[in-house]
């Protein structure tokens, strides 16, 4: 029995990782330096696009009142919000098409 208890190795680097975090664990333990933070630019634009589309969806619930107050501008505001939401969601999808089908 190791010092860490039954079933656990004494050396933490011997603990098996899930495939999803294997490279992260290996990178942070093998070099001894902390991992570099990931660029969250695409994820931020994706979240921003979803927030804008959610606001446009909520706007549809109150569209009658907005139409009475703003007139045709309510429609223009809703269309701009929908276009911006779709733009931010699809902005990080990449310009290269996927490979040929298998």
C-alpha atoms as a PDB file:
ATOM      1  CA  UNK A   1       0.000   0.000   0.000  1.00  0.00           C
ATOM      2  CA  UNK A   2       1.392   3.401  -0.989  1.00  0.00           C
ATOM      3  CA  UNK A   3       1.582   6.506   1.119  1.00  0.00           C
ATOM      4  CA  UNK A   4      -1.413   7.998  -0.691  1.00  0.00           C
ATOM      5  CA  UNK A   5      -3.799   5.275   0.432  1.00  0.00           C
ATOM      6  CA  UNK A   6      -5.210   2.064  -0.964  1.00  0.00           C
ATOM      7  CA  UNK A   7      -5.629   2.086  -4.718  1.00  0.00           C
ATOM      8  CA  UNK A   8      -3.764   5.378  -5.243  1.00  0.00           C
ATOM      9  CA  UNK A   9      -0.129   5.571  -6.301  1.00  0.00           C
ATOM     10  CA  UNK A  10       2.225   7.653  -4.186  1.00  0.00           C
ATOM     11  CA  UNK A  11       3.336   9.647  -7.238  1.00  0.00           C
ATOM     12  CA  UNK A  12       0.462  11.846  -8.561  1.00  0.00           C
ATOM     13  CA  UNK A  13       1.874  11.780 -12.105  1.00  0.00           C
ATOM     14  CA  UNK A  14       1.028   8.065 -12.257  1.00  0.00           C
ATOM     15  CA  UNK A  15      -2.704   8.711 -11.860  1.00  0.00           C
ATOM     16  CA  UNK A  16      -4.372   7.984 -15.193  1.00  0.00           C
ATOM     17  CA  UNK A  17      -6.232  10.880 -16.776  1.00  0.00           C
ATOM     18  CA  UNK A  18      -9.279  10.922 -18.974  1.00  0.00           C
ATOM     19  CA  UNK A  19      -8.492  11.363 -22.674  1.00  0.00           C
ATOM     20  CA  UNK A  20     -10.039  14.833 -22.623  1.00  0.00           C
ATOM     21  CA  UNK A  21      -7.567  16.180 -20.093  1.00  0.00           C
ATOM     22  CA  UNK A  22      -4.536  13.964 -20.768  1.00  0.00           C
ATOM     23  CA  UNK A  23      -2.667  16.548 -22.828  1.00  0.00           C
ATOM     24  CA  UNK A  24      -3.407  19.302 -20.317  1.00  0.00           C
ATOM     25  CA  UNK A  25      -2.129  17.198 -17.434  1.00  0.00           C
ATOM     26  CA  UNK A  26       0.903  16.032 -19.394  1.00  0.00           C
ATOM     27  CA  UNK A  27       1.764  19.558 -20.551  1.00  0.00           C
ATOM     28  CA  UNK A  28       1.484  21.057 -17.075  1.00  0.00           C
ATOM     29  CA  UNK A  29       3.455  18.324 -15.288  1.00  0.00           C
ATOM     30  CA  UNK A  30       6.162  17.410 -17.788  1.00  0.00           C
ATOM     31  CA  UNK A  31       7.618  20.866 -18.275  1.00  0.00           C
ATOM     32  CA  UNK A  32       7.042  22.144 -14.768  1.00  0.00           C
ATOM     33  CA  UNK A  33       5.609  25.399 -16.127  1.00  0.00           C
ATOM     34  CA  UNK A  34       1.953  26.360 -15.972  1.00  0.00           C
ATOM     35  CA  UNK A  35      -0.093  25.979 -19.117  1.00  0.00           C
ATOM     36  CA  UNK A  36      -0.670  28.995 -21.311  1.00  0.00           C
ATOM     37  CA  UNK A  37      -4.218  30.362 -21.222  1.00  0.00           C
ATOM     38  CA  UNK A  38      -6.311  29.585 -24.272  1.00  0.00           C
ATOM     39  CA  UNK A  39      -7.559  32.273 -26.602  1.00  0.00           C
ATOM     40  CA  UNK A  40     -11.263  32.713 -25.809  1.00  0.00           C
ATOM     41  CA  UNK A  41     -11.950  35.004 -28.765  1.00  0.00           C
ATOM     42  CA  UNK A  42     -14.083  32.547 -30.753  1.00  0.00           C
ATOM     43  CA  UNK A  43     -15.920  31.363 -27.654  1.00  0.00           C
ATOM     44  CA  UNK A  44     -16.612  34.934 -26.572  1.00  0.00           C
ATOM     45  CA  UNK A  45     -18.078  35.824 -29.958  1.00  0.00           C
ATOM     46  CA  UNK A  46     -20.204  32.661 -29.885  1.00  0.00           C
ATOM     47  CA  UNK A  47     -21.596  33.534 -26.459  1.00  0.00           C
ATOM     48  CA  UNK A  48     -22.168  37.155 -27.495  1.00  0.00           C
ATOM     49  CA  UNK A  49     -24.073  35.973 -30.575  1.00  0.00           C
ATOM     50  CA  UNK A  50     -26.294  33.751 -28.456  1.00  0.00           C
ATOM     51  CA  UNK A  51     -27.004  36.582 -26.010  1.00  0.00           C
ATOM     52  CA  UNK A  52     -27.976  38.916 -28.864  1.00  0.00           C
ATOM     53  CA  UNK A  53     -30.251  36.263 -30.388  1.00  0.00           C
ATOM     54  CA  UNK A  54     -31.848  35.625 -26.994  1.00  0.00           C
ATOM     55  CA  UNK A  55     -32.535  39.351 -26.641  1.00  0.00           C
ATOM     56  CA  UNK A  56     -34.070  39.363 -30.137  1.00  0.00           C
ATOM     57  CA  UNK A  57     -36.276  36.406 -29.149  1.00  0.00           C
ATOM     58  CA  UNK A  58     -37.419  38.191 -25.995  1.00  0.00           C
ATOM     59  CA  UNK A  59     -38.069  41.278 -28.085  1.00  0.00           C
ATOM     60  CA  UNK A  60     -40.549  39.246 -30.153  1.00  0.00           C
ATOM     61  CA  UNK A  61     -42.615  38.614 -27.021  1.00  0.00           C
ATOM     62  CA  UNK A  62     -43.132  42.354 -26.605  1.00  0.00           C
ATOM     63  CA  UNK A  63     -43.248  43.235 -30.275  1.00  0.00           C
ATOM     64  CA  UNK A  64     -46.804  44.600 -30.212  1.00  0.00           C
ATOM     65  CA  UNK A  65     -45.941  47.134 -27.522  1.00  0.00           C
ATOM     66  CA  UNK A  66     -42.654  47.979 -29.209  1.00  0.00           C
ATOM     67  CA  UNK A  67     -44.446  48.481 -32.533  1.00  0.00           C
ATOM     68  CA  UNK A  68     -46.854  50.932 -30.898  1.00  0.00           C
ATOM     69  CA  UNK A  69     -43.970  52.867 -29.339  1.00  0.00           C
ATOM     70  CA  UNK A  70     -41.333  52.723 -32.083  1.00  0.00           C
ATOM     71  CA  UNK A  71     -43.255  51.926 -35.254  1.00  0.00           C
ATOM     72  CA  UNK A  72     -41.203  50.514 -38.109  1.00  0.00           C
ATOM     73  CA  UNK A  73     -38.012  51.090 -36.114  1.00  0.00           C
ATOM     74  CA  UNK A  74     -38.954  48.125 -33.898  1.00  0.00           C
ATOM     75  CA  UNK A  75     -38.734  45.885 -36.955  1.00  0.00           C
ATOM     76  CA  UNK A  76     -35.407  47.378 -38.045  1.00  0.00           C
ATOM     77  CA  UNK A  77     -33.931  46.976 -34.549  1.00  0.00           C
ATOM     78  CA  UNK A  78     -35.086  43.348 -34.423  1.00  0.00           C
ATOM     79  CA  UNK A  79     -33.606  42.587 -37.861  1.00  0.00           C
ATOM     80  CA  UNK A  80     -30.261  44.168 -36.932  1.00  0.00           C
ATOM     81  CA  UNK A  81     -30.160  42.162 -33.686  1.00  0.00           C
ATOM     82  CA  UNK A  82     -30.908  38.927 -35.560  1.00  0.00           C
ATOM     83  CA  UNK A  83     -28.227  39.600 -38.181  1.00  0.00           C
ATOM     84  CA  UNK A  84     -25.626  40.524 -35.543  1.00  0.00           C
ATOM     85  CA  UNK A  85     -26.433  37.420 -33.489  1.00  0.00           C
ATOM     86  CA  UNK A  86     -26.026  35.100 -36.462  1.00  0.00           C
ATOM     87  CA  UNK A  87     -22.862  36.932 -37.521  1.00  0.00           C
ATOM     88  CA  UNK A  88     -21.196  36.521 -34.122  1.00  0.00           C
ATOM     89  CA  UNK A  89     -22.171  32.853 -33.889  1.00  0.00           C
ATOM     90  CA  UNK A  90     -20.850  31.998 -37.340  1.00  0.00           C
ATOM     91  CA  UNK A  91     -17.817  34.288 -37.198  1.00  0.00           C
ATOM     92  CA  UNK A  92     -15.479  31.680 -35.686  1.00  0.00           C
ATOM     93  CA  UNK A  93     -16.632  28.724 -37.772  1.00  0.00           C
ATOM     94  CA  UNK A  94     -13.574  29.066 -40.032  1.00  0.00           C
ATOM     95  CA  UNK A  95     -13.243  29.780 -43.702  1.00  0.00           C
ATOM     96  CA  UNK A  96     -11.910  26.390 -44.771  1.00  0.00           C
ATOM     97  CA  UNK A  97     -14.503  23.807 -45.802  1.00  0.00           C
ATOM     98  CA  UNK A  98     -14.395  20.407 -44.129  1.00  0.00           C
ATOM     99  CA  UNK A  99     -12.616  17.540 -45.810  1.00  0.00           C
ATOM    100  CA  UNK A 100     -14.217  15.173 -48.305  1.00  0.00           C
ATOM    101  CA  UNK A 101     -16.908  12.850 -46.974  1.00  0.00           C
ATOM    102  CA  UNK A 102     -15.806   9.363 -45.990  1.00  0.00           C
END
